């Protein structure tokens, strides 16, 4: 997780998923839905998703 130096309320999470379907399934698990309900400001706005690939 990376914090935004200009805004303490913004951060970046870097994750690697095998496929979009796997990420979608994760977002809809009971524990993620419970986490969202427990902390509504965590996803107060829409996520900005950047898809990338490693370059060597």
PDB file of N, CA and C in Angstrom:
ATOM      1  N   UNK A   1       0.853  -1.161   0.000  1.00  0.00           N
ATOM      2  CA  UNK A   1       0.000   0.000   0.000  1.00  0.00           C
ATOM      3  C   UNK A   1       0.905   1.231   0.000  1.00  0.00           C
ATOM      4  N   UNK A   2       0.511   2.218  -0.782  1.00  0.00           N
ATOM      5  CA  UNK A   2       1.261   3.465  -0.887  1.00  0.00           C
ATOM      6  C   UNK A   2       0.358   4.622  -0.496  1.00  0.00           C
ATOM      7  N   UNK A   3       0.890   5.547   0.304  1.00  0.00           N
ATOM      8  CA  UNK A   3       0.111   6.727   0.680  1.00  0.00           C
ATOM      9  C   UNK A   3       0.411   7.864  -0.281  1.00  0.00           C
ATOM     10  N   UNK A   4      -0.551   8.763  -0.408  1.00  0.00           N
ATOM     11  CA  UNK A   4      -0.415   9.943  -1.262  1.00  0.00           C
ATOM     12  C   UNK A   4       0.143  11.076  -0.414  1.00  0.00           C
ATOM     13  N   UNK A   5       1.324  11.583  -0.758  1.00  0.00           N
ATOM     14  CA  UNK A   5       1.940  12.662   0.025  1.00  0.00           C
ATOM     15  C   UNK A   5       1.103  13.936   0.018  1.00  0.00           C
ATOM     16  N   UNK A   6       0.309  14.144  -1.026  1.00  0.00           N
ATOM     17  CA  UNK A   6      -0.478  15.372  -1.142  1.00  0.00           C
ATOM     18  C   UNK A   6      -1.843  15.272  -0.457  1.00  0.00           C
ATOM     19  N   UNK A   7      -2.308  14.045  -0.169  1.00  0.00           N
ATOM     20  CA  UNK A   7      -3.637  13.876   0.419  1.00  0.00           C
ATOM     21  C   UNK A   7      -3.642  12.641   1.313  1.00  0.00           C
ATOM     22  N   UNK A   8      -3.698  12.861   2.602  1.00  0.00           N
ATOM     23  CA  UNK A   8      -3.627  11.741   3.550  1.00  0.00           C
ATOM     24  C   UNK A   8      -4.833  10.805   3.455  1.00  0.00           C
ATOM     25  N   UNK A   9      -5.863  11.209   2.743  1.00  0.00           N
ATOM     26  CA  UNK A   9      -7.051  10.376   2.583  1.00  0.00           C
ATOM     27  C   UNK A   9      -7.024   9.532   1.313  1.00  0.00           C
ATOM     28  N   UNK A  10      -5.918   9.573   0.593  1.00  0.00           N
ATOM     29  CA  UNK A  10      -5.779   8.772  -0.624  1.00  0.00           C
ATOM     30  C   UNK A  10      -4.600   7.819  -0.484  1.00  0.00           C
ATOM     31  N   UNK A  11      -4.791   6.634  -1.034  1.00  0.00           N
ATOM     32  CA  UNK A  11      -3.703   5.668  -1.045  1.00  0.00           C
ATOM     33  C   UNK A  11      -3.857   4.756  -2.247  1.00  0.00           C
ATOM     34  N   UNK A  12      -2.795   4.035  -2.543  1.00  0.00           N
ATOM     35  CA  UNK A  12      -2.784   3.114  -3.671  1.00  0.00           C
ATOM     36  C   UNK A  12      -2.482   1.722  -3.164  1.00  0.00           C
ATOM     37  N   UNK A  13      -3.271   0.771  -3.626  1.00  0.00           N
ATOM     38  CA  UNK A  13      -3.027  -0.632  -3.307  1.00  0.00           C
ATOM     39  C   UNK A  13      -2.602  -1.303  -4.606  1.00  0.00           C
ATOM     40  N   UNK A  14      -1.489  -2.025  -4.567  1.00  0.00           N
ATOM     41  CA  UNK A  14      -1.003  -2.745  -5.737  1.00  0.00           C
ATOM     42  C   UNK A  14      -1.276  -4.227  -5.513  1.00  0.00           C
ATOM     43  N   UNK A  15      -2.038  -4.812  -6.423  1.00  0.00           N
ATOM     44  CA  UNK A  15      -2.390  -6.220  -6.308  1.00  0.00           C
ATOM     45  C   UNK A  15      -2.208  -6.889  -7.664  1.00  0.00           C
ATOM     46  N   UNK A  16      -2.035  -8.197  -7.628  1.00  0.00           N
ATOM     47  CA  UNK A  16      -1.927  -8.965  -8.864  1.00  0.00           C
ATOM     48  C   UNK A  16      -3.031 -10.015  -8.856  1.00  0.00           C
ATOM     49  N   UNK A  17      -3.862  -9.995  -9.893  1.00  0.00           N
ATOM     50  CA  UNK A  17      -4.991 -10.916 -10.023  1.00  0.00           C
ATOM     51  C   UNK A  17      -4.830 -11.708 -11.302  1.00  0.00           C
ATOM     52  N   UNK A  18      -5.212 -12.970 -11.261  1.00  0.00           N
ATOM     53  CA  UNK A  18      -5.093 -13.843 -12.432  1.00  0.00           C
ATOM     54  C   UNK A  18      -6.021 -13.404 -13.555  1.00  0.00           C
ATOM     55  N   UNK A  19      -7.177 -12.853 -13.174  1.00  0.00           N
ATOM     56  CA  UNK A  19      -8.158 -12.433 -14.176  1.00  0.00           C
ATOM     57  C   UNK A  19      -9.137 -11.455 -13.538  1.00  0.00           C
ATOM     58  N   UNK A  20      -9.817 -10.675 -14.352  1.00  0.00           N
ATOM     59  CA  UNK A  20     -10.818  -9.729 -13.846  1.00  0.00           C
ATOM     60  C   UNK A  20     -11.894 -10.459 -13.054  1.00  0.00           C
ATOM     61  N   UNK A  21     -12.267 -11.646 -13.501  1.00  0.00           N
ATOM     62  CA  UNK A  21     -13.298 -12.421 -12.797  1.00  0.00           C
ATOM     63  C   UNK A  21     -12.864 -12.754 -11.369  1.00  0.00           C
ATOM     64  N   UNK A  22     -11.590 -13.005 -11.165  1.00  0.00           N
ATOM     65  CA  UNK A  22     -11.090 -13.308  -9.821  1.00  0.00           C
ATOM     66  C   UNK A  22     -11.199 -12.081  -8.919  1.00  0.00           C
ATOM     67  N   UNK A  23     -10.880 -10.915  -9.440  1.00  0.00           N
ATOM     68  CA  UNK A  23     -11.015  -9.673  -8.671  1.00  0.00           C
ATOM     69  C   UNK A  23     -12.481  -9.400  -8.364  1.00  0.00           C
ATOM     70  N   UNK A  24     -13.342  -9.578  -9.350  1.00  0.00           N
ATOM     71  CA  UNK A  24     -14.769  -9.368  -9.132  1.00  0.00           C
ATOM     72  C   UNK A  24     -15.300 -10.300  -8.052  1.00  0.00           C
ATOM     73  N   UNK A  25     -14.879 -11.559  -8.088  1.00  0.00           N
ATOM     74  CA  UNK A  25     -15.315 -12.529  -7.077  1.00  0.00           C
ATOM     75  C   UNK A  25     -14.819 -12.108  -5.697  1.00  0.00           C
ATOM     76  N   UNK A  26     -13.582 -11.647  -5.604  1.00  0.00           N
ATOM     77  CA  UNK A  26     -13.011 -11.188  -4.329  1.00  0.00           C
ATOM     78  C   UNK A  26     -13.816 -10.023  -3.757  1.00  0.00           C
ATOM     79  N   UNK A  27     -14.148  -9.072  -4.616  1.00  0.00           N
ATOM     80  CA  UNK A  27     -14.897  -7.895  -4.163  1.00  0.00           C
ATOM     81  C   UNK A  27     -16.282  -8.247  -3.635  1.00  0.00           C
ATOM     82  N   UNK A  28     -16.799  -9.389  -4.025  1.00  0.00           N
ATOM     83  CA  UNK A  28     -18.143  -9.791  -3.613  1.00  0.00           C
ATOM     84  C   UNK A  28     -18.158 -10.877  -2.540  1.00  0.00           C
ATOM     85  N   UNK A  29     -16.991 -11.145  -1.928  1.00  0.00           N
ATOM     86  CA  UNK A  29     -16.958 -12.129  -0.847  1.00  0.00           C
ATOM     87  C   UNK A  29     -17.602 -11.537   0.407  1.00  0.00           C
ATOM     88  N   UNK A  30     -18.036 -12.424   1.269  1.00  0.00           N
ATOM     89  CA  UNK A  30     -18.691 -11.991   2.500  1.00  0.00           C
ATOM     90  C   UNK A  30     -17.784 -11.075   3.323  1.00  0.00           C
ATOM     91  N   UNK A  31     -16.500 -11.412   3.409  1.00  0.00           N
ATOM     92  CA  UNK A  31     -15.593 -10.605   4.240  1.00  0.00           C
ATOM     93  C   UNK A  31     -15.315  -9.231   3.634  1.00  0.00           C
ATOM     94  N   UNK A  32     -15.278  -9.114   2.296  1.00  0.00           N
ATOM     95  CA  UNK A  32     -15.070  -7.792   1.702  1.00  0.00           C
ATOM     96  C   UNK A  32     -16.326  -6.935   1.846  1.00  0.00           C
ATOM     97  N   UNK A  33     -17.483  -7.520   1.660  1.00  0.00           N
ATOM     98  CA  UNK A  33     -18.725  -6.777   1.852  1.00  0.00           C
ATOM     99  C   UNK A  33     -18.851  -6.318   3.301  1.00  0.00           C
ATOM    100  N   UNK A  34     -18.450  -7.171   4.247  1.00  0.00           N
ATOM    101  CA  UNK A  34     -18.482  -6.802   5.665  1.00  0.00           C
ATOM    102  C   UNK A  34     -17.479  -5.684   5.953  1.00  0.00           C
ATOM    103  N   UNK A  35     -16.297  -5.756   5.357  1.00  0.00           N
ATOM    104  CA  UNK A  35     -15.287  -4.710   5.555  1.00  0.00           C
ATOM    105  C   UNK A  35     -15.789  -3.370   5.019  1.00  0.00           C
ATOM    106  N   UNK A  36     -16.420  -3.391   3.857  1.00  0.00           N
ATOM    107  CA  UNK A  36     -16.984  -2.162   3.298  1.00  0.00           C
ATOM    108  C   UNK A  36     -18.059  -1.582   4.204  1.00  0.00           C
ATOM    109  N   UNK A  37     -18.905  -2.449   4.760  1.00  0.00           N
ATOM    110  CA  UNK A  37     -19.984  -1.989   5.644  1.00  0.00           C
ATOM    111  C   UNK A  37     -19.418  -1.416   6.936  1.00  0.00           C
ATOM    112  N   UNK A  38     -18.317  -1.999   7.420  1.00  0.00           N
ATOM    113  CA  UNK A  38     -17.701  -1.553   8.675  1.00  0.00           C
ATOM    114  C   UNK A  38     -17.001  -0.201   8.503  1.00  0.00           C
ATOM    115  N   UNK A  39     -16.479   0.049   7.326  1.00  0.00           N
ATOM    116  CA  UNK A  39     -15.727   1.280   7.075  1.00  0.00           C
ATOM    117  C   UNK A  39     -16.204   1.905   5.765  1.00  0.00           C
ATOM    118  N   UNK A  40     -17.356   2.590   5.792  1.00  0.00           N
ATOM    119  CA  UNK A  40     -17.924   3.135   4.554  1.00  0.00           C
ATOM    120  C   UNK A  40     -17.032   4.149   3.847  1.00  0.00           C
ATOM    121  N   UNK A  41     -16.128   4.792   4.560  1.00  0.00           N
ATOM    122  CA  UNK A  41     -15.251   5.755   3.899  1.00  0.00           C
ATOM    123  C   UNK A  41     -14.142   5.070   3.110  1.00  0.00           C
ATOM    124  N   UNK A  42     -13.918   3.767   3.361  1.00  0.00           N
ATOM    125  CA  UNK A  42     -12.873   3.046   2.620  1.00  0.00           C
ATOM    126  C   UNK A  42     -13.149   3.111   1.129  1.00  0.00           C
ATOM    127  N   UNK A  43     -14.392   2.951   0.743  1.00  0.00           N
ATOM    128  CA  UNK A  43     -14.780   3.042  -0.666  1.00  0.00           C
ATOM    129  C   UNK A  43     -15.819   4.141  -0.821  1.00  0.00           C
ATOM    130  N   UNK A  44     -15.486   5.308  -0.320  1.00  0.00           N
ATOM    131  CA  UNK A  44     -16.418   6.437  -0.368  1.00  0.00           C
ATOM    132  C   UNK A  44     -16.703   6.878  -1.794  1.00  0.00           C
ATOM    133  N   UNK A  45     -15.761   6.645  -2.667  1.00  0.00           N
ATOM    134  CA  UNK A  45     -15.943   6.999  -4.066  1.00  0.00           C
ATOM    135  C   UNK A  45     -15.518   5.833  -4.928  1.00  0.00           C
ATOM    136  N   UNK A  46     -15.720   5.943  -6.228  1.00  0.00           N
ATOM    137  CA  UNK A  46     -15.328   4.841  -7.109  1.00  0.00           C
ATOM    138  C   UNK A  46     -13.811   4.682  -7.148  1.00  0.00           C
ATOM    139  N   UNK A  47     -13.379   3.449  -7.240  1.00  0.00           N
ATOM    140  CA  UNK A  47     -11.949   3.172  -7.338  1.00  0.00           C
ATOM    141  C   UNK A  47     -11.463   3.525  -8.737  1.00  0.00           C
ATOM    142  N   UNK A  48     -10.241   3.965  -8.807  1.00  0.00           N
ATOM    143  CA  UNK A  48      -9.594   4.187 -10.083  1.00  0.00           C
ATOM    144  C   UNK A  48      -8.654   3.005 -10.306  1.00  0.00           C
ATOM    145  N   UNK A  49      -8.941   2.215 -11.309  1.00  0.00           N
ATOM    146  CA  UNK A  49      -8.169   0.991 -11.541  1.00  0.00           C
ATOM    147  C   UNK A  49      -7.279   1.165 -12.757  1.00  0.00           C
ATOM    148  N   UNK A  50      -6.004   0.872 -12.575  1.00  0.00           N
ATOM    149  CA  UNK A  50      -5.048   0.921 -13.674  1.00  0.00           C
ATOM    150  C   UNK A  50      -4.554  -0.496 -13.894  1.00  0.00           C
ATOM    151  N   UNK A  51      -4.785  -1.032 -15.077  1.00  0.00           N
ATOM    152  CA  UNK A  51      -4.268  -2.358 -15.422  1.00  0.00           C
ATOM    153  C   UNK A  51      -2.895  -2.183 -16.027  1.00  0.00           C
ATOM    154  N   UNK A  52      -1.960  -3.005 -15.580  1.00  0.00           N
ATOM    155  CA  UNK A  52      -0.577  -2.878 -16.028  1.00  0.00           C
ATOM    156  C   UNK A  52       0.059  -4.259 -16.175  1.00  0.00           C
ATOM    157  N   UNK A  53       1.211  -4.280 -16.757  1.00  0.00           N
ATOM    158  CA  UNK A  53       1.994  -5.509 -16.853  1.00  0.00           C
ATOM    159  C   UNK A  53       3.438  -5.167 -16.566  1.00  0.00           C
ATOM    160  N   UNK A  54       4.170  -6.145 -16.078  1.00  0.00           N
ATOM    161  CA  UNK A  54       5.581  -5.938 -15.758  1.00  0.00           C
ATOM    162  C   UNK A  54       6.394  -5.786 -17.048  1.00  0.00           C
ATOM    163  N   UNK A  55       7.356  -4.897 -17.004  1.00  0.00           N
ATOM    164  CA  UNK A  55       8.263  -4.696 -18.128  1.00  0.00           C
ATOM    165  C   UNK A  55       9.673  -4.886 -17.587  1.00  0.00           C
ATOM    166  N   UNK A  56      10.405  -5.738 -18.242  1.00  0.00           N
ATOM    167  CA  UNK A  56      11.778  -6.014 -17.776  1.00  0.00           C
ATOM    168  C   UNK A  56      12.799  -5.462 -18.715  1.00  0.00           C
TER     169      UNK A  56
END
